[in-house]
Amino acid sequence: MSIPDPTPIPVPDPSSQYVPKFGYWRHKKTNNLYEIIAFAIEEMTMIPVVVYKCEGPVSSSTWTRPCSEFFEIARFEQVDNAW
């Protein structure tokens, strides 16, 4: 009995509109500031996700969002100098 090959981990397409970058990002609707702290793969769907946390005195929540939503739908814009 042979063990099947594991499902390949999807890698962002270099021709895609986004280039994953660490750093600070501002949510365009709420104006909240977030820091990308990691990139991961969502277990159930094998979709690449962004792991990010809210910066500020009120919340330090950690979130995930599919890379396609974070970068391609343009909900966030990168901030050069967050502070």
C-alpha atoms as a PDB file:
ATOM      1  CA  MET A   1       0.000   0.000   0.000  1.00  0.00           C
ATOM      2  CA  SER A   2       1.479   3.325  -1.025  1.00  0.00           C
ATOM      3  CA  ILE A   3       0.958   6.631   0.733  1.00  0.00           C
ATOM      4  CA  PRO A   4      -0.412   9.302  -1.599  1.00  0.00           C
ATOM      5  CA  ASP A   5       1.566  12.481  -2.113  1.00  0.00           C
ATOM      6  CA  PRO A   6       0.386  15.321   0.103  1.00  0.00           C
ATOM      7  CA  THR A   7      -1.577  18.123  -1.483  1.00  0.00           C
ATOM      8  CA  PRO A   8       0.879  20.751  -2.727  1.00  0.00           C
ATOM      9  CA  ILE A   9       0.887  24.023  -0.847  1.00  0.00           C
ATOM     10  CA  PRO A  10      -0.294  26.824  -3.114  1.00  0.00           C
ATOM     11  CA  VAL A  11       2.243  29.545  -3.717  1.00  0.00           C
ATOM     12  CA  PRO A  12       1.196  33.071  -4.729  1.00  0.00           C
ATOM     13  CA  ASP A  13       1.439  33.553  -8.477  1.00  0.00           C
ATOM     14  CA  PRO A  14       4.237  36.039  -9.301  1.00  0.00           C
ATOM     15  CA  SER A  15       2.028  37.521 -12.030  1.00  0.00           C
ATOM     16  CA  SER A  16      -0.676  38.247  -9.455  1.00  0.00           C
ATOM     17  CA  GLN A  17      -1.528  41.819  -8.522  1.00  0.00           C
ATOM     18  CA  TYR A  18      -0.104  41.457  -5.034  1.00  0.00           C
ATOM     19  CA  VAL A  19       3.347  40.864  -3.682  1.00  0.00           C
ATOM     20  CA  PRO A  20       3.187  39.706  -0.067  1.00  0.00           C
ATOM     21  CA  LYS A  21       5.074  42.139   2.159  1.00  0.00           C
ATOM     22  CA  PHE A  22       5.534  42.328   5.886  1.00  0.00           C
ATOM     23  CA  GLY A  23       5.030  45.673   7.558  1.00  0.00           C
ATOM     24  CA  TYR A  24       2.241  48.026   8.486  1.00  0.00           C
ATOM     25  CA  TRP A  25      -0.995  48.337   6.555  1.00  0.00           C
ATOM     26  CA  ARG A  26      -3.989  50.646   6.996  1.00  0.00           C
ATOM     27  CA  HIS A  27      -7.551  49.412   6.470  1.00  0.00           C
ATOM     28  CA  LYS A  28      -9.116  51.832   3.982  1.00  0.00           C
ATOM     29  CA  LYS A  29     -12.615  51.723   5.462  1.00  0.00           C
ATOM     30  CA  THR A  30     -11.868  51.868   9.214  1.00  0.00           C
ATOM     31  CA  ASN A  31      -8.476  53.609   9.040  1.00  0.00           C
ATOM     32  CA  ASN A  32      -7.175  51.105  11.632  1.00  0.00           C
ATOM     33  CA  LEU A  33      -3.502  50.175  11.504  1.00  0.00           C
ATOM     34  CA  TYR A  34      -2.420  46.526  11.245  1.00  0.00           C
ATOM     35  CA  GLU A  35       0.931  44.755  11.153  1.00  0.00           C
ATOM     36  CA  ILE A  36       1.461  41.640   9.025  1.00  0.00           C
ATOM     37  CA  ILE A  37       3.225  39.173  11.300  1.00  0.00           C
ATOM     38  CA  ALA A  38       3.157  35.990   9.181  1.00  0.00           C
ATOM     39  CA  PHE A  39       1.870  34.203   6.129  1.00  0.00           C
ATOM     40  CA  ALA A  40       0.219  30.802   6.493  1.00  0.00           C
ATOM     41  CA  ILE A  41      -1.917  28.177   4.792  1.00  0.00           C
ATOM     42  CA  GLU A  42      -5.528  27.672   5.900  1.00  0.00           C
ATOM     43  CA  GLU A  43      -5.760  23.982   6.745  1.00  0.00           C
ATOM     44  CA  MET A  44      -9.201  23.148   5.370  1.00  0.00           C
ATOM     45  CA  THR A  45      -8.909  24.911   1.995  1.00  0.00           C
ATOM     46  CA  MET A  46      -5.117  25.137   1.585  1.00  0.00           C
ATOM     47  CA  ILE A  47      -5.538  28.826   0.690  1.00  0.00           C
ATOM     48  CA  PRO A  48      -2.651  31.203   1.503  1.00  0.00           C
ATOM     49  CA  VAL A  49      -3.602  33.624   4.273  1.00  0.00           C
ATOM     50  CA  VAL A  50      -2.164  36.730   5.888  1.00  0.00           C
ATOM     51  CA  VAL A  51      -1.742  36.687   9.677  1.00  0.00           C
ATOM     52  CA  TYR A  52      -1.966  40.212  11.016  1.00  0.00           C
ATOM     53  CA  LYS A  53      -2.586  42.041  14.263  1.00  0.00           C
ATOM     54  CA  CYS A  54      -4.312  45.265  15.124  1.00  0.00           C
ATOM     55  CA  GLU A  55      -2.022  48.020  16.365  1.00  0.00           C
ATOM     56  CA  GLY A  56      -3.278  50.479  18.909  1.00  0.00           C
ATOM     57  CA  PRO A  57      -4.283  50.990  22.508  1.00  0.00           C
ATOM     58  CA  VAL A  58      -7.772  49.473  22.177  1.00  0.00           C
ATOM     59  CA  SER A  59      -7.124  46.092  20.600  1.00  0.00           C
ATOM     60  CA  SER A  60      -4.257  43.734  19.981  1.00  0.00           C
ATOM     61  CA  SER A  61      -6.365  41.079  18.254  1.00  0.00           C
ATOM     62  CA  THR A  62      -4.734  38.711  15.767  1.00  0.00           C
ATOM     63  CA  TRP A  63      -6.579  38.000  12.518  1.00  0.00           C
ATOM     64  CA  THR A  64      -6.259  35.963   9.342  1.00  0.00           C
ATOM     65  CA  ARG A  65      -7.585  36.792   5.913  1.00  0.00           C
ATOM     66  CA  PRO A  66      -7.034  35.143   2.521  1.00  0.00           C
ATOM     67  CA  CYS A  67      -4.184  36.815   0.631  1.00  0.00           C
ATOM     68  CA  SER A  68      -6.536  37.455  -2.270  1.00  0.00           C
ATOM     69  CA  GLU A  69      -8.832  39.526  -0.036  1.00  0.00           C
ATOM     70  CA  PHE A  70      -6.042  41.349   1.746  1.00  0.00           C
ATOM     71  CA  PHE A  71      -4.053  42.360  -1.335  1.00  0.00           C
ATOM     72  CA  GLU A  72      -6.177  42.034  -4.465  1.00  0.00           C
ATOM     73  CA  ILE A  73      -9.457  43.538  -3.275  1.00  0.00           C
ATOM     74  CA  ALA A  74      -7.493  46.547  -2.052  1.00  0.00           C
ATOM     75  CA  ARG A  75      -8.978  46.725   1.440  1.00  0.00           C
ATOM     76  CA  PHE A  76      -5.584  47.691   2.829  1.00  0.00           C
ATOM     77  CA  GLU A  77      -2.817  50.046   1.788  1.00  0.00           C
ATOM     78  CA  GLN A  78       0.793  49.728   2.891  1.00  0.00           C
ATOM     79  CA  VAL A  79       2.052  52.428   5.245  1.00  0.00           C
ATOM     80  CA  ASP A  80       5.714  53.438   4.922  1.00  0.00           C
ATOM     81  CA  ASN A  81       6.037  55.045   8.333  1.00  0.00           C
ATOM     82  CA  ALA A  82       3.329  53.874  10.726  1.00  0.00           C
ATOM     83  CA  TRP A  83       4.416  56.005  13.664  1.00  0.00           C
END
